[in-house]
Amino acid sequence: MGPPDPVLGVAEAFKKCTDASKVNLSIGAYRDNNGKPVILDSVKKANQTINDKNMDNEYLPVSGNDAYNQAAIKLAYGEKFYNANKDRIAACQSLSGTGSLRLGMDFCA
């Protein structure tokens, strides 16, 4: 078996800590004071928009939503650079923060 996952190790340390003012920022989920999941208002609004526009929750293509990818490229590089180089820039989506990090590190490797 490989070495322990450091992020999950932080979560385990959080569980063991007895400090009443502790806050768990190690895993991408928000919880209330009773440990119940909290759904952010922005997420509720996004879900409502999806429902109002009769959008589906089907799986995306492997590379993700092209309109989203292009908007992300514009945001990352700026409109001027994007317009001058859009045929030479690629993007894809991935699932979750961990998935994004993995994809990025695989690309770097």
Protein backbone atom coordinates (compact mmCIF):
# COMPACT_ATOMS: atom_id res chain seq x y z
CA MET A 1 0.00 0.00 0.00
CA GLY A 2 1.20 3.53 -0.75
CA PRO A 3 1.89 6.29 1.76
CA PRO A 4 -1.03 7.88 3.63
CA ASP A 5 -2.86 10.64 1.77
CA PRO A 6 -1.86 13.96 3.38
CA VAL A 7 -5.25 15.60 2.76
CA LEU A 8 -7.13 12.73 4.33
CA GLY A 9 -4.58 12.82 7.15
CA VAL A 10 -5.62 16.40 7.88
CA ALA A 11 -9.24 15.26 7.99
CA GLU A 12 -8.32 12.50 10.44
CA ALA A 13 -6.41 14.98 12.62
CA PHE A 14 -9.48 17.23 12.58
CA LYS A 15 -11.64 14.38 13.88
CA LYS A 16 -9.21 13.72 16.73
CA CYS A 17 -8.88 17.39 17.74
CA THR A 18 -10.99 18.37 20.76
CA ASP A 19 -10.78 22.15 20.31
CA ALA A 20 -14.36 23.49 20.15
CA SER A 21 -13.38 26.25 17.72
CA LYS A 22 -11.81 23.94 15.12
CA VAL A 23 -12.75 24.35 11.45
CA ASN A 24 -12.21 21.65 8.84
CA LEU A 25 -10.96 23.23 5.62
CA SER A 26 -9.26 20.12 4.28
CA ILE A 27 -12.04 18.61 2.17
CA GLY A 28 -14.30 20.53 -0.22
CA ALA A 29 -17.52 20.27 1.76
CA TYR A 30 -19.17 22.76 4.06
CA ARG A 31 -20.90 21.60 7.24
CA ASP A 32 -22.90 23.35 9.94
CA ASN A 33 -22.21 23.21 13.68
CA ASN A 34 -24.02 19.87 13.84
CA GLY A 35 -21.84 18.33 11.12
CA LYS A 36 -24.62 18.39 8.55
CA PRO A 37 -23.80 19.35 4.93
CA VAL A 38 -24.50 22.98 3.97
CA ILE A 39 -25.49 23.78 0.40
CA LEU A 40 -24.24 27.24 -0.53
CA ASP A 41 -26.77 29.79 -1.79
CA SER A 42 -24.77 30.08 -5.03
CA VAL A 43 -25.14 26.33 -5.60
CA LYS A 44 -28.87 26.51 -4.89
CA LYS A 45 -29.17 29.38 -7.38
CA ALA A 46 -27.21 27.45 -10.03
CA ASN A 47 -29.45 24.41 -9.53
CA GLN A 48 -32.52 26.61 -9.85
CA THR A 49 -31.17 28.10 -13.10
CA ILE A 50 -30.58 24.61 -14.47
CA ASN A 51 -34.15 23.65 -13.58
CA ASP A 52 -35.69 26.90 -14.87
CA LYS A 53 -33.95 26.56 -18.24
CA ASN A 54 -34.86 22.87 -18.52
CA MET A 55 -31.20 22.00 -18.81
CA ASP A 56 -30.26 18.38 -18.29
CA ASN A 57 -27.79 16.70 -16.00
CA GLU A 58 -26.41 14.40 -18.66
CA TYR A 59 -22.75 13.51 -18.74
CA LEU A 60 -20.58 15.90 -20.69
CA PRO A 61 -18.17 14.81 -23.42
CA VAL A 62 -14.72 13.76 -22.21
CA SER A 63 -13.29 17.25 -22.79
CA GLY A 64 -16.18 18.95 -20.96
CA ASN A 65 -18.55 21.73 -22.02
CA ASP A 66 -16.92 23.59 -24.91
CA ALA A 67 -18.66 26.93 -24.21
CA TYR A 68 -17.48 26.74 -20.58
CA ASN A 69 -13.95 25.81 -21.66
CA GLN A 70 -13.76 28.76 -24.07
CA ALA A 71 -15.07 31.16 -21.41
CA ALA A 72 -12.48 29.82 -18.94
CA ILE A 73 -9.69 30.34 -21.48
CA LYS A 74 -10.84 33.92 -22.07
CA LEU A 75 -10.90 34.53 -18.33
CA ALA A 76 -7.46 32.99 -17.81
CA TYR A 77 -5.66 34.62 -20.73
CA GLY A 78 -7.70 37.76 -21.35
CA GLU A 79 -9.85 38.64 -24.34
CA LYS A 80 -7.04 40.14 -26.45
CA PHE A 81 -4.68 37.17 -26.08
CA TYR A 82 -7.55 34.74 -26.56
CA ASN A 83 -8.64 36.37 -29.82
CA ALA A 84 -5.09 36.32 -31.17
CA ASN A 85 -4.36 32.72 -30.14
CA LYS A 86 -7.67 30.85 -29.80
CA ASP A 87 -6.65 28.26 -32.40
CA ARG A 88 -3.55 27.40 -30.36
CA ILE A 89 -5.05 27.11 -26.87
CA ALA A 90 -6.80 24.01 -25.57
CA ALA A 91 -8.81 23.34 -22.46
CA CYS A 92 -10.72 20.53 -20.83
CA GLN A 93 -12.76 20.15 -17.69
CA SER A 94 -12.20 17.60 -14.98
CA LEU A 95 -14.19 16.34 -12.07
CA SER A 96 -13.53 17.96 -8.67
CA GLY A 97 -10.51 19.76 -7.28
CA THR A 98 -8.57 16.54 -6.81
CA GLY A 99 -9.38 15.46 -10.36
CA SER A 100 -8.21 18.83 -11.68
CA LEU A 101 -4.94 18.62 -9.77
CA ARG A 102 -4.35 15.09 -11.01
CA LEU A 103 -5.03 16.09 -14.62
CA GLY A 104 -2.74 19.12 -14.31
CA MET A 105 0.10 17.12 -12.79
CA ASP A 106 -0.26 14.37 -15.41
CA PHE A 107 -0.01 17.09 -18.07
CA CYS A 108 3.11 18.55 -16.42
CA ALA A 109 4.70 15.12 -16.16
